[in-house]
Structure formats: C-alpha cells, structure tokens
Protein backbone atom coordinates (compact mmCIF):
# COMPACT_ATOMS: atom_id res chain seq x y z
CA MET A 1 7.11 2.01 13.77
CA ALA A 2 5.05 -1.02 14.52
CA GLY A 3 2.87 -2.62 12.11
CA ASN A 4 2.31 -5.35 9.39
CA ILE A 5 5.27 -5.20 6.98
CA TRP A 6 5.48 -6.70 3.36
CA LEU A 7 7.83 -9.69 3.24
CA SER A 8 6.81 -11.19 0.00
CA THR A 9 9.72 -12.80 -1.85
CA ALA A 10 7.71 -14.85 -4.96
CA ASP A 11 4.32 -14.34 -5.40
CA GLY A 12 3.31 -10.48 -4.99
CA ASN A 13 0.09 -11.32 -3.58
CA TYR A 14 -1.19 -9.02 -1.10
CA ALA A 15 -3.82 -11.31 0.23
CA THR A 16 -1.29 -14.04 1.19
CA ALA A 17 -0.79 -14.20 4.88
CA SER A 18 2.66 -15.73 4.67
CA ASN A 19 3.85 -12.35 2.74
CA TRP A 20 3.31 -10.12 5.86
CA SER A 21 5.59 -10.04 8.98
CA LEU A 22 2.56 -10.77 11.37
CA GLY A 23 1.57 -13.87 9.54
CA HIS A 24 -1.81 -12.50 8.43
CA VAL A 25 -2.99 -9.89 5.78
CA PRO A 26 -3.40 -6.51 7.20
CA ILE A 27 -6.46 -6.00 9.23
CA ALA A 28 -8.57 -3.04 10.49
CA SER A 29 -6.46 -0.05 12.22
CA GLU A 30 -3.32 -1.93 11.47
CA ASP A 31 -0.38 0.01 9.78
CA VAL A 32 0.64 -1.34 6.53
CA ILE A 33 4.54 -0.86 5.79
CA ILE A 34 6.17 -1.58 2.34
CA PRO A 35 10.04 -1.47 2.80
CA ALA A 36 12.58 -0.16 0.39
CA ARG A 37 13.77 -2.57 -2.27
CA SER A 38 10.79 -5.29 -1.37
CA PRO A 39 8.88 -7.16 -4.15
CA SER A 40 6.30 -5.65 -6.08
CA ILE A 41 2.29 -6.09 -5.07
CA VAL A 42 0.60 -7.26 -8.34
CA SER A 43 -2.42 -9.52 -7.13
CA GLY A 44 -4.91 -9.60 -4.18
CA LEU A 45 -5.41 -6.25 -4.68
CA ASP A 46 -9.02 -5.63 -3.57
CA GLN A 47 -8.72 -4.57 0.19
CA SER A 48 -11.18 -1.88 0.04
CA THR A 49 -13.33 -3.51 2.95
CA VAL A 50 -10.43 -3.09 5.34
CA ALA A 51 -10.08 0.11 6.96
CA ILE A 52 -6.23 -0.16 7.82
CA GLY A 53 -4.35 2.28 9.84
CA GLY A 54 -1.77 4.13 7.58
CA LEU A 55 -0.03 2.85 4.29
CA TYR A 56 3.48 3.43 4.47
CA VAL A 57 5.62 3.07 1.24
CA LYS A 58 8.94 3.88 2.32
CA ASP A 59 11.70 5.70 1.03
CA GLY A 60 13.62 3.63 -1.64
CA TYR A 61 10.59 1.49 -2.70
CA ASP A 62 11.16 0.81 -6.43
CA GLY A 63 8.71 -1.75 -7.03
CA THR A 64 5.05 -1.66 -8.50
CA LEU A 65 1.91 -1.40 -6.78
CA GLY A 66 -0.92 -2.81 -8.80
CA ASP A 67 -1.35 -1.95 -12.34
CA PRO A 68 -3.06 0.40 -14.80
CA SER A 69 -6.13 -1.82 -14.84
CA ASN A 70 -6.27 -3.43 -11.49
CA SER A 71 -5.27 -0.80 -8.63
CA LEU A 72 -4.40 -1.66 -5.13
CA SER A 73 -7.66 -0.85 -3.29
CA ILE A 74 -7.25 0.21 0.19
CA ALA A 75 -9.01 2.30 2.86
CA PRO A 76 -6.01 3.86 5.01
CA SER A 77 -6.41 6.49 7.51
CA SER A 78 -3.30 8.20 6.46
CA LEU A 79 -0.76 7.66 3.40
CA PHE A 80 3.10 8.13 3.05
CA PHE A 81 4.59 7.68 -0.20
CA GLY A 82 8.39 7.85 -0.32
CA GLY A 83 8.97 5.28 -3.13
CA ASN A 84 9.48 5.66 -6.73
CA GLY A 85 8.25 3.00 -8.39
CA LEU A 86 5.06 2.89 -10.30
CA SER A 87 1.82 2.82 -8.31
CA PHE A 88 -1.88 2.21 -9.03
CA ILE A 89 -3.75 3.13 -5.75
CA ASP A 90 -7.60 3.43 -5.25
CA ILE A 91 -7.96 5.20 -1.82
CA ASN A 92 -11.45 4.19 -0.45
CA ALA A 93 -11.52 7.15 1.83
CA SER A 94 -13.77 10.18 2.05
CA ASN A 95 -10.94 12.43 3.68
CA ILE A 96 -6.98 11.70 3.87
CA ASP A 97 -4.20 13.82 4.55
CA LEU A 98 -1.52 13.74 1.71
CA PRO A 99 1.82 14.79 2.47
CA PRO A 100 3.04 18.05 0.52
CA HIS A 101 5.58 16.15 -1.75
CA LEU A 102 3.10 13.86 -2.92
CA CYS A 103 0.45 16.37 -3.92
CA PRO A 104 2.33 17.90 -7.00
CA VAL A 105 1.78 14.07 -8.50
CA VAL A 106 -1.89 13.66 -7.92
CA SER A 107 -3.77 13.93 -11.35
CA SER A 108 -7.33 13.27 -10.15
CA VAL A 109 -9.29 12.73 -7.14
CA ASN A 110 -12.58 10.96 -7.06
C-alpha cells in the first residue's frame, strides 16, 4: 500500500514533515499509514482541514493517538483501525464506513 507512513522516532508531532516517509505532512487524498510498534502521536493534532485519503492504523500499533483533551482531528475518506493502543480521534467526516470489528467499540457519533 502506497501512502505517507508515520516514521517519528522522537517528538510525536503529526505536523512535523520529517516524521513522514514522503517528507511532508499528509496532504489531501493521501493515505496515512501508522505502522505497528511506531511511536505515539501526541501533538500537531488538528489536521481537520485536510481531507486525507484513508487512515490506516496497522495491526500491532500499541501507541497513543491524541489524548482525552486533545484528539487527533482528521477528515479521512476511510478508516482501518487494527491497533490496540489508546486513541482519541475526531473524524471530521459526514459519512464514513467503519470495519465491522471497530463498530462495537464506538461509544458515540457526533
């Protein structure tokens, strides 16, 4: 799967270009891939104005995305979540398909 892969090793900032495999913060229509065992994303979290392609949190990801008071705010066209870490994600989309394994853990939809 081609896309922009999260590579951060230190700062955990989504908005830092060097934290991404393509050398830039994900842009419109680009898939965002968070690999297994990669570091947490804890800052630079308001990405709500960028309509990315898909957000793919791969099986085995055990980091944290955002926190209870500061969610990762994104606008993906699709979502795959295979991770088991804590995640606080605000999906800025009017319609999104969730994989069946994710539906039981959704507590509220705005």
